[in-house]
């Protein structure tokens, strides 16, 4: 696992925890929004990128959202193939409601986290 993947992990896990808590409350909108946040944070790591799309696929299956299911299956394949070669559109939230290759703005909070984790080197 790369330094970036290790360094960004706590922030992605925080969003996953928030997603899980929203799921327990029955708030499917917040549940998916936190997965989108995790996607933005981790999409430059193949491991996290694929994992978040898998969680989005699970969400879509539970919702019986066939458009999202199809979109997530395509995005999982794309994440596996394109992340390592920097072929991902930065800022994309990862859901099927946006084009898979659309570059999107990153919030100041997320941009700061990403920059900080890229600068921090672990041995």
PDB file of N, CA and C in Angstrom:
ATOM      1  N   UNK A   1       0.846  -1.180   0.000  1.00  0.00           N
ATOM      2  CA  UNK A   1       0.000   0.000   0.000  1.00  0.00           C
ATOM      3  C   UNK A   1       0.891   1.243   0.000  1.00  0.00           C
ATOM      4  N   UNK A   2       0.546   2.230  -0.779  1.00  0.00           N
ATOM      5  CA  UNK A   2       1.352   3.451  -0.908  1.00  0.00           C
ATOM      6  C   UNK A   2       1.242   4.325   0.339  1.00  0.00           C
ATOM      7  N   UNK A   3       2.182   5.258   0.457  1.00  0.00           N
ATOM      8  CA  UNK A   3       2.122   6.222   1.557  1.00  0.00           C
ATOM      9  C   UNK A   3       0.802   6.983   1.536  1.00  0.00           C
ATOM     10  N   UNK A   4       0.404   7.434   0.352  1.00  0.00           N
ATOM     11  CA  UNK A   4      -0.856   8.172   0.252  1.00  0.00           C
ATOM     12  C   UNK A   4      -2.018   7.328   0.759  1.00  0.00           C
ATOM     13  N   UNK A   5      -2.091   6.073   0.346  1.00  0.00           N
ATOM     14  CA  UNK A   5      -3.187   5.191   0.775  1.00  0.00           C
ATOM     15  C   UNK A   5      -3.220   5.047   2.289  1.00  0.00           C
ATOM     16  N   UNK A   6      -2.052   4.885   2.891  1.00  0.00           N
ATOM     17  CA  UNK A   6      -1.982   4.772   4.354  1.00  0.00           C
ATOM     18  C   UNK A   6      -2.361   6.085   5.032  1.00  0.00           C
ATOM     19  N   UNK A   7      -1.859   7.181   4.502  1.00  0.00           N
ATOM     20  CA  UNK A   7      -2.082   8.474   5.132  1.00  0.00           C
ATOM     21  C   UNK A   7      -3.527   8.958   5.009  1.00  0.00           C
ATOM     22  N   UNK A   8      -4.173   8.637   3.912  1.00  0.00           N
ATOM     23  CA  UNK A   8      -5.546   9.097   3.687  1.00  0.00           C
ATOM     24  C   UNK A   8      -6.557   8.191   4.396  1.00  0.00           C
ATOM     25  N   UNK A   9      -6.133   6.994   4.778  1.00  0.00           N
ATOM     26  CA  UNK A   9      -7.033   5.992   5.369  1.00  0.00           C
ATOM     27  C   UNK A   9      -7.891   6.513   6.529  1.00  0.00           C
ATOM     28  N   UNK A  10      -7.335   7.223   7.521  1.00  0.00           N
ATOM     29  CA  UNK A  10      -8.186   7.672   8.635  1.00  0.00           C
ATOM     30  C   UNK A  10      -9.322   8.589   8.193  1.00  0.00           C
ATOM     31  N   UNK A  11      -9.076   9.389   7.182  1.00  0.00           N
ATOM     32  CA  UNK A  11     -10.099  10.326   6.704  1.00  0.00           C
ATOM     33  C   UNK A  11     -11.201   9.595   5.931  1.00  0.00           C
ATOM     34  N   UNK A  12     -10.792   8.602   5.171  1.00  0.00           N
ATOM     35  CA  UNK A  12     -11.775   7.799   4.443  1.00  0.00           C
ATOM     36  C   UNK A  12     -12.587   6.968   5.429  1.00  0.00           C
ATOM     37  N   UNK A  13     -11.912   6.378   6.388  1.00  0.00           N
ATOM     38  CA  UNK A  13     -12.619   5.572   7.391  1.00  0.00           C
ATOM     39  C   UNK A  13     -13.605   6.423   8.186  1.00  0.00           C
ATOM     40  N   UNK A  14     -13.246   7.684   8.429  1.00  0.00           N
ATOM     41  CA  UNK A  14     -14.167   8.587   9.130  1.00  0.00           C
ATOM     42  C   UNK A  14     -15.439   8.776   8.312  1.00  0.00           C
ATOM     43  N   UNK A  15     -15.286   8.971   7.008  1.00  0.00           N
ATOM     44  CA  UNK A  15     -16.472   9.126   6.146  1.00  0.00           C
ATOM     45  C   UNK A  15     -17.277   7.828   6.071  1.00  0.00           C
ATOM     46  N   UNK A  16     -16.587   6.700   6.065  1.00  0.00           N
ATOM     47  CA  UNK A  16     -17.290   5.414   6.051  1.00  0.00           C
ATOM     48  C   UNK A  16     -18.080   5.212   7.346  1.00  0.00           C
ATOM     49  N   UNK A  17     -17.496   5.619   8.454  1.00  0.00           N
ATOM     50  CA  UNK A  17     -18.204   5.533   9.745  1.00  0.00           C
ATOM     51  C   UNK A  17     -19.430   6.423   9.727  1.00  0.00           C
ATOM     52  N   UNK A  18     -19.284   7.629   9.206  1.00  0.00           N
ATOM     53  CA  UNK A  18     -20.427   8.539   9.102  1.00  0.00           C
ATOM     54  C   UNK A  18     -21.506   7.953   8.193  1.00  0.00           C
ATOM     55  N   UNK A  19     -21.080   7.300   7.123  1.00  0.00           N
ATOM     56  CA  UNK A  19     -22.027   6.655   6.214  1.00  0.00           C
ATOM     57  C   UNK A  19     -22.785   5.542   6.944  1.00  0.00           C
ATOM     58  N   UNK A  20     -22.053   4.736   7.695  1.00  0.00           N
ATOM     59  CA  UNK A  20     -22.669   3.641   8.445  1.00  0.00           C
ATOM     60  C   UNK A  20     -23.678   4.184   9.466  1.00  0.00           C
ATOM     61  N   UNK A  21     -23.317   5.252  10.161  1.00  0.00           N
ATOM     62  CA  UNK A  21     -24.233   5.847  11.149  1.00  0.00           C
ATOM     63  C   UNK A  21     -25.496   6.375  10.477  1.00  0.00           C
ATOM     64  N   UNK A  22     -25.339   6.992   9.313  1.00  0.00           N
ATOM     65  CA  UNK A  22     -26.499   7.476   8.565  1.00  0.00           C
ATOM     66  C   UNK A  22     -27.383   6.304   8.139  1.00  0.00           C
ATOM     67  N   UNK A  23     -26.754   5.212   7.737  1.00  0.00           N
ATOM     68  CA  UNK A  23     -27.498   4.008   7.360  1.00  0.00           C
ATOM     69  C   UNK A  23     -28.321   3.507   8.536  1.00  0.00           C
ATOM     70  N   UNK A  24     -27.716   3.481   9.716  1.00  0.00           N
ATOM     71  CA  UNK A  24     -28.420   3.018  10.917  1.00  0.00           C
ATOM     72  C   UNK A  24     -29.612   3.917  11.246  1.00  0.00           C
ATOM     73  N   UNK A  25     -29.494   5.215  10.927  1.00  0.00           N
ATOM     74  CA  UNK A  25     -30.592   6.162  11.156  1.00  0.00           C
ATOM     75  C   UNK A  25     -31.652   6.070  10.057  1.00  0.00           C
ATOM     76  N   UNK A  26     -31.337   5.350   8.995  1.00  0.00           N
ATOM     77  CA  UNK A  26     -32.258   5.248   7.869  1.00  0.00           C
ATOM     78  C   UNK A  26     -32.166   6.426   6.912  1.00  0.00           C
ATOM     79  N   UNK A  27     -31.093   7.197   6.997  1.00  0.00           N
ATOM     80  CA  UNK A  27     -30.895   8.372   6.147  1.00  0.00           C
ATOM     81  C   UNK A  27     -30.039   7.973   4.947  1.00  0.00           C
ATOM     82  N   UNK A  28     -30.692   7.455   3.922  1.00  0.00           N
ATOM     83  CA  UNK A  28     -29.962   6.943   2.761  1.00  0.00           C
ATOM     84  C   UNK A  28     -29.257   8.048   1.977  1.00  0.00           C
ATOM     85  N   UNK A  29     -29.810   9.260   2.016  1.00  0.00           N
ATOM     86  CA  UNK A  29     -29.172  10.377   1.305  1.00  0.00           C
ATOM     87  C   UNK A  29     -27.830  10.714   1.959  1.00  0.00           C
ATOM     88  N   UNK A  30     -27.823  10.859   3.278  1.00  0.00           N
ATOM     89  CA  UNK A  30     -26.574  11.151   3.999  1.00  0.00           C
ATOM     90  C   UNK A  30     -25.607   9.978   3.890  1.00  0.00           C
ATOM     91  N   UNK A  31     -26.139   8.766   3.922  1.00  0.00           N
ATOM     92  CA  UNK A  31     -25.297   7.576   3.789  1.00  0.00           C
ATOM     93  C   UNK A  31     -24.487   7.639   2.492  1.00  0.00           C
ATOM     94  N   UNK A  32     -25.149   7.938   1.381  1.00  0.00           N
ATOM     95  CA  UNK A  32     -24.458   7.999   0.095  1.00  0.00           C
ATOM     96  C   UNK A  32     -23.548   9.222   0.010  1.00  0.00           C
ATOM     97  N   UNK A  33     -23.977  10.348   0.569  1.00  0.00           N
ATOM     98  CA  UNK A  33     -23.158  11.568   0.543  1.00  0.00           C
ATOM     99  C   UNK A  33     -21.805  11.332   1.215  1.00  0.00           C
ATOM    100  N   UNK A  34     -21.805  10.588   2.327  1.00  0.00           N
ATOM    101  CA  UNK A  34     -20.534  10.291   3.002  1.00  0.00           C
ATOM    102  C   UNK A  34     -19.667   9.342   2.167  1.00  0.00           C
ATOM    103  N   UNK A  35     -20.306   8.445   1.421  1.00  0.00           N
ATOM    104  CA  UNK A  35     -19.535   7.604   0.502  1.00  0.00           C
ATOM    105  C   UNK A  35     -18.936   8.455  -0.620  1.00  0.00           C
ATOM    106  N   UNK A  36     -19.680   9.455  -1.083  1.00  0.00           N
ATOM    107  CA  UNK A  36     -19.131  10.368  -2.091  1.00  0.00           C
ATOM    108  C   UNK A  36     -17.923  11.116  -1.537  1.00  0.00           C
ATOM    109  N   UNK A  37     -18.010  11.560  -0.286  1.00  0.00           N
ATOM    110  CA  UNK A  37     -16.865  12.233   0.344  1.00  0.00           C
ATOM    111  C   UNK A  37     -15.662  11.300   0.408  1.00  0.00           C
ATOM    112  N   UNK A  38     -15.913  10.048   0.798  1.00  0.00           N
ATOM    113  CA  UNK A  38     -14.827   9.058   0.856  1.00  0.00           C
ATOM    114  C   UNK A  38     -14.227   8.850  -0.527  1.00  0.00           C
ATOM    115  N   UNK A  39     -15.064   8.874  -1.549  1.00  0.00           N
ATOM    116  CA  UNK A  39     -14.591   8.709  -2.929  1.00  0.00           C
ATOM    117  C   UNK A  39     -13.661   9.841  -3.324  1.00  0.00           C
ATOM    118  N   UNK A  40     -14.071  11.065  -3.062  1.00  0.00           N
ATOM    119  CA  UNK A  40     -13.237  12.221  -3.420  1.00  0.00           C
ATOM    120  C   UNK A  40     -11.882  12.125  -2.719  1.00  0.00           C
ATOM    121  N   UNK A  41     -11.896  11.751  -1.453  1.00  0.00           N
ATOM    122  CA  UNK A  41     -10.651  11.663  -0.692  1.00  0.00           C
ATOM    123  C   UNK A  41      -9.744  10.544  -1.180  1.00  0.00           C
ATOM    124  N   UNK A  42     -10.318   9.412  -1.543  1.00  0.00           N
ATOM    125  CA  UNK A  42      -9.500   8.231  -1.820  1.00  0.00           C
ATOM    126  C   UNK A  42      -9.334   7.823  -3.254  1.00  0.00           C
ATOM    127  N   UNK A  43      -9.850   8.602  -4.186  1.00  0.00           N
ATOM    128  CA  UNK A  43      -9.846   8.137  -5.568  1.00  0.00           C
ATOM    129  C   UNK A  43      -8.467   8.067  -6.210  1.00  0.00           C
ATOM    130  N   UNK A  44      -7.447   8.598  -5.573  1.00  0.00           N
ATOM    131  CA  UNK A  44      -6.093   8.481  -6.125  1.00  0.00           C
ATOM    132  C   UNK A  44      -5.368   7.232  -5.608  1.00  0.00           C
ATOM    133  N   UNK A  45      -6.050   6.447  -4.790  1.00  0.00           N
ATOM    134  CA  UNK A  45      -5.530   5.175  -4.290  1.00  0.00           C
ATOM    135  C   UNK A  45      -6.385   4.058  -4.880  1.00  0.00           C
ATOM    136  N   UNK A  46      -5.767   3.148  -5.605  1.00  0.00           N
ATOM    137  CA  UNK A  46      -6.548   2.059  -6.202  1.00  0.00           C
ATOM    138  C   UNK A  46      -7.341   1.312  -5.135  1.00  0.00           C
ATOM    139  N   UNK A  47      -6.693   0.988  -4.018  1.00  0.00           N
ATOM    140  CA  UNK A  47      -7.372   0.245  -2.954  1.00  0.00           C
ATOM    141  C   UNK A  47      -8.631   0.969  -2.483  1.00  0.00           C
ATOM    142  N   UNK A  48      -8.482   2.226  -2.084  1.00  0.00           N
ATOM    143  CA  UNK A  48      -9.629   2.963  -1.538  1.00  0.00           C
ATOM    144  C   UNK A  48     -10.657   3.276  -2.617  1.00  0.00           C
ATOM    145  N   UNK A  49     -10.195   3.556  -3.817  1.00  0.00           N
ATOM    146  CA  UNK A  49     -11.100   3.879  -4.911  1.00  0.00           C
ATOM    147  C   UNK A  49     -12.037   2.700  -5.187  1.00  0.00           C
ATOM    148  N   UNK A  50     -11.461   1.523  -5.314  1.00  0.00           N
ATOM    149  CA  UNK A  50     -12.271   0.332  -5.573  1.00  0.00           C
ATOM    150  C   UNK A  50     -13.178   0.024  -4.383  1.00  0.00           C
ATOM    151  N   UNK A  51     -12.643   0.132  -3.170  1.00  0.00           N
ATOM    152  CA  UNK A  51     -13.435  -0.171  -1.974  1.00  0.00           C
ATOM    153  C   UNK A  51     -14.657   0.742  -1.868  1.00  0.00           C
ATOM    154  N   UNK A  52     -14.462   2.030  -2.110  1.00  0.00           N
ATOM    155  CA  UNK A  52     -15.594   2.962  -2.016  1.00  0.00           C
ATOM    156  C   UNK A  52     -16.623   2.654  -3.093  1.00  0.00           C
ATOM    157  N   UNK A  53     -16.190   2.357  -4.303  1.00  0.00           N
ATOM    158  CA  UNK A  53     -17.165   1.999  -5.343  1.00  0.00           C
ATOM    159  C   UNK A  53     -17.901   0.709  -4.981  1.00  0.00           C
ATOM    160  N   UNK A  54     -17.221  -0.223  -4.350  1.00  0.00           N
ATOM    161  CA  UNK A  54     -17.893  -1.440  -3.898  1.00  0.00           C
ATOM    162  C   UNK A  54     -18.967  -1.093  -2.864  1.00  0.00           C
ATOM    163  N   UNK A  55     -18.654  -0.196  -1.930  1.00  0.00           N
ATOM    164  CA  UNK A  55     -19.649   0.225  -0.930  1.00  0.00           C
ATOM    165  C   UNK A  55     -20.809   0.967  -1.586  1.00  0.00           C
ATOM    166  N   UNK A  56     -20.511   1.741  -2.611  1.00  0.00           N
ATOM    167  CA  UNK A  56     -21.579   2.417  -3.361  1.00  0.00           C
ATOM    168  C   UNK A  56     -22.456   1.393  -4.077  1.00  0.00           C
ATOM    169  N   UNK A  57     -21.832   0.339  -4.594  1.00  0.00           N
ATOM    170  CA  UNK A  57     -22.593  -0.737  -5.230  1.00  0.00           C
ATOM    171  C   UNK A  57     -23.506  -1.416  -4.221  1.00  0.00           C
ATOM    172  N   UNK A  58     -22.996  -1.693  -3.028  1.00  0.00           N
ATOM    173  CA  UNK A  58     -23.845  -2.288  -1.972  1.00  0.00           C
ATOM    174  C   UNK A  58     -25.018  -1.385  -1.646  1.00  0.00           C
ATOM    175  N   UNK A  59     -24.760  -0.086  -1.559  1.00  0.00           N
ATOM    176  CA  UNK A  59     -25.828   0.886  -1.293  1.00  0.00           C
ATOM    177  C   UNK A  59     -26.880   0.799  -2.397  1.00  0.00           C
ATOM    178  N   UNK A  60     -26.430   0.795  -3.655  1.00  0.00           N
ATOM    179  CA  UNK A  60     -27.343   0.755  -4.797  1.00  0.00           C
ATOM    180  C   UNK A  60     -28.174  -0.526  -4.804  1.00  0.00           C
ATOM    181  N   UNK A  61     -27.549  -1.643  -4.471  1.00  0.00           N
ATOM    182  CA  UNK A  61     -28.282  -2.912  -4.408  1.00  0.00           C
ATOM    183  C   UNK A  61     -29.382  -2.852  -3.349  1.00  0.00           C
ATOM    184  N   UNK A  62     -29.045  -2.294  -2.202  1.00  0.00           N
ATOM    185  CA  UNK A  62     -30.040  -2.177  -1.118  1.00  0.00           C
ATOM    186  C   UNK A  62     -31.194  -1.273  -1.539  1.00  0.00           C
ATOM    187  N   UNK A  63     -30.875  -0.222  -2.293  1.00  0.00           N
ATOM    188  CA  UNK A  63     -31.905   0.715  -2.750  1.00  0.00           C
ATOM    189  C   UNK A  63     -32.659   0.198  -3.976  1.00  0.00           C
ATOM    190  N   UNK A  64     -32.152  -0.863  -4.562  1.00  0.00           N
ATOM    191  CA  UNK A  64     -32.684  -1.401  -5.823  1.00  0.00           C
ATOM    192  C   UNK A  64     -32.691  -0.344  -6.916  1.00  0.00           C
ATOM    193  N   UNK A  65     -31.603   0.412  -6.933  1.00  0.00           N
ATOM    194  CA  UNK A  65     -31.401   1.493  -7.897  1.00  0.00           C
ATOM    195  C   UNK A  65     -30.576   0.925  -9.058  1.00  0.00           C
ATOM    196  N   UNK A  66     -31.258   0.490 -10.101  1.00  0.00           N
ATOM    197  CA  UNK A  66     -30.600  -0.230 -11.185  1.00  0.00           C
ATOM    198  C   UNK A  66     -29.639   0.654 -11.983  1.00  0.00           C
ATOM    199  N   UNK A  67     -29.954   1.929 -12.113  1.00  0.00           N
ATOM    200  CA  UNK A  67     -29.024   2.851 -12.781  1.00  0.00           C
ATOM    201  C   UNK A  67     -27.727   2.948 -11.979  1.00  0.00           C
ATOM    202  N   UNK A  68     -27.849   3.056 -10.665  1.00  0.00           N
ATOM    203  CA  UNK A  68     -26.656   3.160  -9.816  1.00  0.00           C
ATOM    204  C   UNK A  68     -25.891   1.841  -9.783  1.00  0.00           C
ATOM    205  N   UNK A  69     -26.601   0.725  -9.775  1.00  0.00           N
ATOM    206  CA  UNK A  69     -25.936  -0.586  -9.795  1.00  0.00           C
ATOM    207  C   UNK A  69     -25.069  -0.706 -11.047  1.00  0.00           C
ATOM    208  N   UNK A  70     -25.668  -0.414 -12.192  1.00  0.00           N
ATOM    209  CA  UNK A  70     -24.938  -0.490 -13.457  1.00  0.00           C
ATOM    210  C   UNK A  70     -23.755   0.477 -13.453  1.00  0.00           C
ATOM    211  N   UNK A  71     -24.003   1.691 -13.006  1.00  0.00           N
ATOM    212  CA  UNK A  71     -22.943   2.695 -12.958  1.00  0.00           C
ATOM    213  C   UNK A  71     -21.792   2.286 -12.063  1.00  0.00           C
ATOM    214  N   UNK A  72     -22.103   1.688 -10.922  1.00  0.00           N
ATOM    215  CA  UNK A  72     -21.046   1.278 -10.002  1.00  0.00           C
ATOM    216  C   UNK A  72     -20.260   0.086 -10.547  1.00  0.00           C
ATOM    217  N   UNK A  73     -20.909  -0.819 -11.229  1.00  0.00           N
ATOM    218  CA  UNK A  73     -20.173  -1.936 -11.836  1.00  0.00           C
ATOM    219  C   UNK A  73     -19.161  -1.417 -12.853  1.00  0.00           C
ATOM    220  N   UNK A  74     -19.575  -0.465 -13.682  1.00  0.00           N
ATOM    221  CA  UNK A  74     -18.671   0.144 -14.660  1.00  0.00           C
ATOM    222  C   UNK A  74     -17.551   0.895 -13.941  1.00  0.00           C
ATOM    223  N   UNK A  75     -17.897   1.625 -12.872  1.00  0.00           N
ATOM    224  CA  UNK A  75     -16.905   2.429 -12.156  1.00  0.00           C
ATOM    225  C   UNK A  75     -15.898   1.558 -11.395  1.00  0.00           C
ATOM    226  N   UNK A  76     -16.315   0.405 -10.919  1.00  0.00           N
ATOM    227  CA  UNK A  76     -15.374  -0.509 -10.257  1.00  0.00           C
ATOM    228  C   UNK A  76     -14.312  -0.954 -11.263  1.00  0.00           C
ATOM    229  N   UNK A  77     -14.745  -1.325 -12.444  1.00  0.00           N
ATOM    230  CA  UNK A  77     -13.799  -1.734 -13.490  1.00  0.00           C
ATOM    231  C   UNK A  77     -12.872  -0.561 -13.839  1.00  0.00           C
ATOM    232  N   UNK A  78     -13.443   0.622 -13.975  1.00  0.00           N
ATOM    233  CA  UNK A  78     -12.639   1.803 -14.271  1.00  0.00           C
ATOM    234  C   UNK A  78     -11.648   2.117 -13.171  1.00  0.00           C
ATOM    235  N   UNK A  79     -12.082   1.974 -11.921  1.00  0.00           N
ATOM    236  CA  UNK A  79     -11.187   2.253 -10.783  1.00  0.00           C
ATOM    237  C   UNK A  79     -10.012   1.286 -10.779  1.00  0.00           C
ATOM    238  N   UNK A  80     -10.272   0.029 -11.066  1.00  0.00           N
ATOM    239  CA  UNK A  80      -9.199  -0.973 -11.106  1.00  0.00           C
ATOM    240  C   UNK A  80      -8.213  -0.649 -12.229  1.00  0.00           C
ATOM    241  N   UNK A  81      -8.735  -0.272 -13.375  1.00  0.00           N
ATOM    242  CA  UNK A  81      -7.881  -0.076 -14.550  1.00  0.00           C
ATOM    243  C   UNK A  81      -7.206   1.291 -14.621  1.00  0.00           C
ATOM    244  N   UNK A  82      -7.847   2.337 -14.138  1.00  0.00           N
ATOM    245  CA  UNK A  82      -7.364   3.694 -14.402  1.00  0.00           C
ATOM    246  C   UNK A  82      -6.682   4.398 -13.235  1.00  0.00           C
ATOM    247  N   UNK A  83      -6.943   3.980 -12.012  1.00  0.00           N
ATOM    248  CA  UNK A  83      -6.404   4.721 -10.866  1.00  0.00           C
ATOM    249  C   UNK A  83      -4.883   4.742 -10.864  1.00  0.00           C
ATOM    250  N   UNK A  84      -4.270   3.618 -11.079  1.00  0.00           N
ATOM    251  CA  UNK A  84      -2.809   3.519 -11.002  1.00  0.00           C
ATOM    252  C   UNK A  84      -2.097   4.345 -12.073  1.00  0.00           C
ATOM    253  N   UNK A  85      -2.788   4.629 -13.161  1.00  0.00           N
ATOM    254  CA  UNK A  85      -2.159   5.415 -14.228  1.00  0.00           C
ATOM    255  C   UNK A  85      -2.676   6.860 -14.230  1.00  0.00           C
ATOM    256  N   UNK A  86      -3.196   7.293 -13.097  1.00  0.00           N
ATOM    257  CA  UNK A  86      -3.708   8.663 -12.937  1.00  0.00           C
ATOM    258  C   UNK A  86      -4.786   9.001 -13.958  1.00  0.00           C
ATOM    259  N   UNK A  87      -5.639   8.043 -14.238  1.00  0.00           N
ATOM    260  CA  UNK A  87      -6.699   8.254 -15.216  1.00  0.00           C
ATOM    261  C   UNK A  87      -8.035   8.612 -14.602  1.00  0.00           C
ATOM    262  N   UNK A  88      -8.031   9.088 -13.358  1.00  0.00           N
ATOM    263  CA  UNK A  88      -9.293   9.416 -12.690  1.00  0.00           C
ATOM    264  C   UNK A  88      -9.541  10.925 -12.718  1.00  0.00           C
ATOM    265  N   UNK A  89     -10.783  11.320 -12.871  1.00  0.00           N
ATOM    266  CA  UNK A  89     -11.116  12.743 -12.870  1.00  0.00           C
ATOM    267  C   UNK A  89     -11.184  13.266 -11.433  1.00  0.00           C
ATOM    268  N   UNK A  90     -10.270  14.124 -11.088  1.00  0.00           N
ATOM    269  CA  UNK A  90     -10.159  14.631  -9.723  1.00  0.00           C
ATOM    270  C   UNK A  90     -11.462  15.328  -9.306  1.00  0.00           C
ATOM    271  N   UNK A  91     -11.874  15.060  -8.083  1.00  0.00           N
ATOM    272  CA  UNK A  91     -13.054  15.700  -7.517  1.00  0.00           C
ATOM    273  C   UNK A  91     -14.358  15.008  -7.828  1.00  0.00           C
ATOM    274  N   UNK A  92     -14.347  14.080  -8.778  1.00  0.00           N
ATOM    275  CA  UNK A  92     -15.576  13.381  -9.143  1.00  0.00           C
ATOM    276  C   UNK A  92     -16.115  12.653  -7.920  1.00  0.00           C
ATOM    277  N   UNK A  93     -17.414  12.790  -7.678  1.00  0.00           N
ATOM    278  CA  UNK A  93     -18.022  12.219  -6.468  1.00  0.00           C
ATOM    279  C   UNK A  93     -18.331  10.734  -6.579  1.00  0.00           C
ATOM    280  N   UNK A  94     -18.238  10.159  -7.764  1.00  0.00           N
ATOM    281  CA  UNK A  94     -18.304   8.708  -7.907  1.00  0.00           C
ATOM    282  C   UNK A  94     -19.669   8.094  -8.113  1.00  0.00           C
ATOM    283  N   UNK A  95     -20.719   8.876  -7.993  1.00  0.00           N
ATOM    284  CA  UNK A  95     -22.058   8.332  -8.205  1.00  0.00           C
ATOM    285  C   UNK A  95     -22.465   8.375  -9.664  1.00  0.00           C
ATOM    286  N   UNK A  96     -23.495   7.624 -10.001  1.00  0.00           N
ATOM    287  CA  UNK A  96     -23.968   7.574 -11.384  1.00  0.00           C
ATOM    288  C   UNK A  96     -24.735   8.824 -11.791  1.00  0.00           C
ATOM    289  N   UNK A  97     -24.947   9.727 -10.846  1.00  0.00           N
ATOM    290  CA  UNK A  97     -25.630  10.977 -11.178  1.00  0.00           C
ATOM    291  C   UNK A  97     -24.705  11.971 -11.881  1.00  0.00           C
ATOM    292  N   UNK A  98     -23.401  11.644 -11.969  1.00  0.00           N
ATOM    293  CA  UNK A  98     -22.451  12.473 -12.710  1.00  0.00           C
ATOM    294  C   UNK A  98     -21.673  11.579 -13.676  1.00  0.00           C
ATOM    295  N   UNK A  99     -21.238  12.158 -14.777  1.00  0.00           N
ATOM    296  CA  UNK A  99     -20.460  11.394 -15.757  1.00  0.00           C
ATOM    297  C   UNK A  99     -19.189  10.870 -15.090  1.00  0.00           C
ATOM    298  N   UNK A 100     -18.838   9.655 -15.388  1.00  0.00           N
ATOM    299  CA  UNK A 100     -17.698   8.991 -14.746  1.00  0.00           C
ATOM    300  C   UNK A 100     -16.372   9.716 -14.977  1.00  0.00           C
ATOM    301  N   UNK A 101     -16.268  10.507 -16.032  1.00  0.00           N
ATOM    302  CA  UNK A 101     -15.005  11.184 -16.333  1.00  0.00           C
ATOM    303  C   UNK A 101     -15.039  12.692 -16.073  1.00  0.00           C
ATOM    304  N   UNK A 102     -16.095  13.162 -15.423  1.00  0.00           N
ATOM    305  CA  UNK A 102     -16.227  14.600 -15.166  1.00  0.00           C
ATOM    306  C   UNK A 102     -15.330  15.041 -14.010  1.00  0.00           C
ATOM    307  N   UNK A 103     -14.487  16.029 -14.277  1.00  0.00           N
ATOM    308  CA  UNK A 103     -13.684  16.651 -13.225  1.00  0.00           C
ATOM    309  C   UNK A 103     -14.599  17.608 -12.469  1.00  0.00           C
ATOM    310  N   UNK A 104     -14.509  17.570 -11.145  1.00  0.00           N
ATOM    311  CA  UNK A 104     -15.378  18.406 -10.317  1.00  0.00           C
ATOM    312  C   UNK A 104     -14.543  19.155  -9.290  1.00  0.00           C
ATOM    313  N   UNK A 105     -15.053  20.282  -8.802  1.00  0.00           N
ATOM    314  CA  UNK A 105     -14.310  21.017  -7.777  1.00  0.00           C
ATOM    315  C   UNK A 105     -14.251  20.228  -6.477  1.00  0.00           C
ATOM    316  N   UNK A 106     -13.171  20.413  -5.758  1.00  0.00           N
ATOM    317  CA  UNK A 106     -12.983  19.752  -4.464  1.00  0.00           C
ATOM    318  C   UNK A 106     -13.194  20.795  -3.376  1.00  0.00           C
ATOM    319  N   UNK A 107     -13.906  20.432  -2.329  1.00  0.00           N
ATOM    320  CA  UNK A 107     -14.108  21.363  -1.218  1.00  0.00           C
ATOM    321  C   UNK A 107     -12.757  21.729  -0.611  1.00  0.00           C
ATOM    322  N   UNK A 108     -12.705  22.891   0.013  1.00  0.00           N
ATOM    323  CA  UNK A 108     -11.454  23.344   0.646  1.00  0.00           C
ATOM    324  C   UNK A 108     -10.996  22.342   1.695  1.00  0.00           C
ATOM    325  N   UNK A 109     -11.931  21.794   2.456  1.00  0.00           N
ATOM    326  CA  UNK A 109     -11.588  20.814   3.504  1.00  0.00           C
ATOM    327  C   UNK A 109     -10.942  19.572   2.900  1.00  0.00           C
ATOM    328  N   UNK A 110     -11.562  19.040   1.851  1.00  0.00           N
ATOM    329  CA  UNK A 110     -11.018  17.835   1.222  1.00  0.00           C
ATOM    330  C   UNK A 110      -9.687  18.112   0.539  1.00  0.00           C
ATOM    331  N   UNK A 111      -9.567  19.263  -0.115  1.00  0.00           N
ATOM    332  CA  UNK A 111      -8.304  19.618  -0.769  1.00  0.00           C
ATOM    333  C   UNK A 111      -7.172  19.715   0.247  1.00  0.00           C
ATOM    334  N   UNK A 112      -7.457  20.292   1.400  1.00  0.00           N
ATOM    335  CA  UNK A 112      -6.441  20.411   2.451  1.00  0.00           C
ATOM    336  C   UNK A 112      -6.013  19.034   2.963  1.00  0.00           C
ATOM    337  N   UNK A 113      -6.981  18.147   3.174  1.00  0.00           N
ATOM    338  CA  UNK A 113      -6.678  16.794   3.647  1.00  0.00           C
ATOM    339  C   UNK A 113      -5.812  16.055   2.622  1.00  0.00           C
ATOM    340  N   UNK A 114      -6.191  16.124   1.356  1.00  0.00           N
ATOM    341  CA  UNK A 114      -5.443  15.431   0.304  1.00  0.00           C
ATOM    342  C   UNK A 114      -4.025  15.969   0.216  1.00  0.00           C
ATOM    343  N   UNK A 115      -3.879  17.273   0.227  1.00  0.00           N
ATOM    344  CA  UNK A 115      -2.552  17.881   0.154  1.00  0.00           C
ATOM    345  C   UNK A 115      -1.694  17.479   1.348  1.00  0.00           C
ATOM    346  N   UNK A 116      -2.284  17.516   2.534  1.00  0.00           N
ATOM    347  CA  UNK A 116      -1.555  17.145   3.751  1.00  0.00           C
ATOM    348  C   UNK A 116      -1.100  15.692   3.698  1.00  0.00           C
ATOM    349  N   UNK A 117      -1.952  14.797   3.239  1.00  0.00           N
ATOM    350  CA  UNK A 117      -1.588  13.378   3.216  1.00  0.00           C
ATOM    351  C   UNK A 117      -0.558  13.070   2.130  1.00  0.00           C
ATOM    352  N   UNK A 118      -0.531  13.867   1.077  1.00  0.00           N
ATOM    353  CA  UNK A 118       0.484  13.674   0.029  1.00  0.00           C
ATOM    354  C   UNK A 118       1.843  14.170   0.481  1.00  0.00           C
ATOM    355  N   UNK A 119       1.853  15.203   1.312  1.00  0.00           N
ATOM    356  CA  UNK A 119       3.119  15.761   1.791  1.00  0.00           C
ATOM    357  C   UNK A 119       3.752  14.919   2.882  1.00  0.00           C
ATOM    358  N   UNK A 120       2.933  14.243   3.670  1.00  0.00           N
ATOM    359  CA  UNK A 120       3.421  13.479   4.813  1.00  0.00           C
ATOM    360  C   UNK A 120       4.030  12.176   4.336  1.00  0.00           C
ATOM    361  N   UNK A 121       5.264  11.939   4.671  1.00  0.00           N
ATOM    362  CA  UNK A 121       5.958  10.715   4.267  1.00  0.00           C
ATOM    363  C   UNK A 121       6.079   9.782   5.451  1.00  0.00           C
ATOM    364  N   UNK A 122       5.765   8.509   5.230  1.00  0.00           N
ATOM    365  CA  UNK A 122       5.981   7.495   6.268  1.00  0.00           C
ATOM    366  C   UNK A 122       7.103   6.588   5.828  1.00  0.00           C
ATOM    367  N   UNK A 123       7.742   5.958   6.777  1.00  0.00           N
ATOM    368  CA  UNK A 123       8.856   5.053   6.429  1.00  0.00           C
ATOM    369  C   UNK A 123       8.391   3.644   6.286  1.00  0.00           C
TER     370      UNK A 123
END
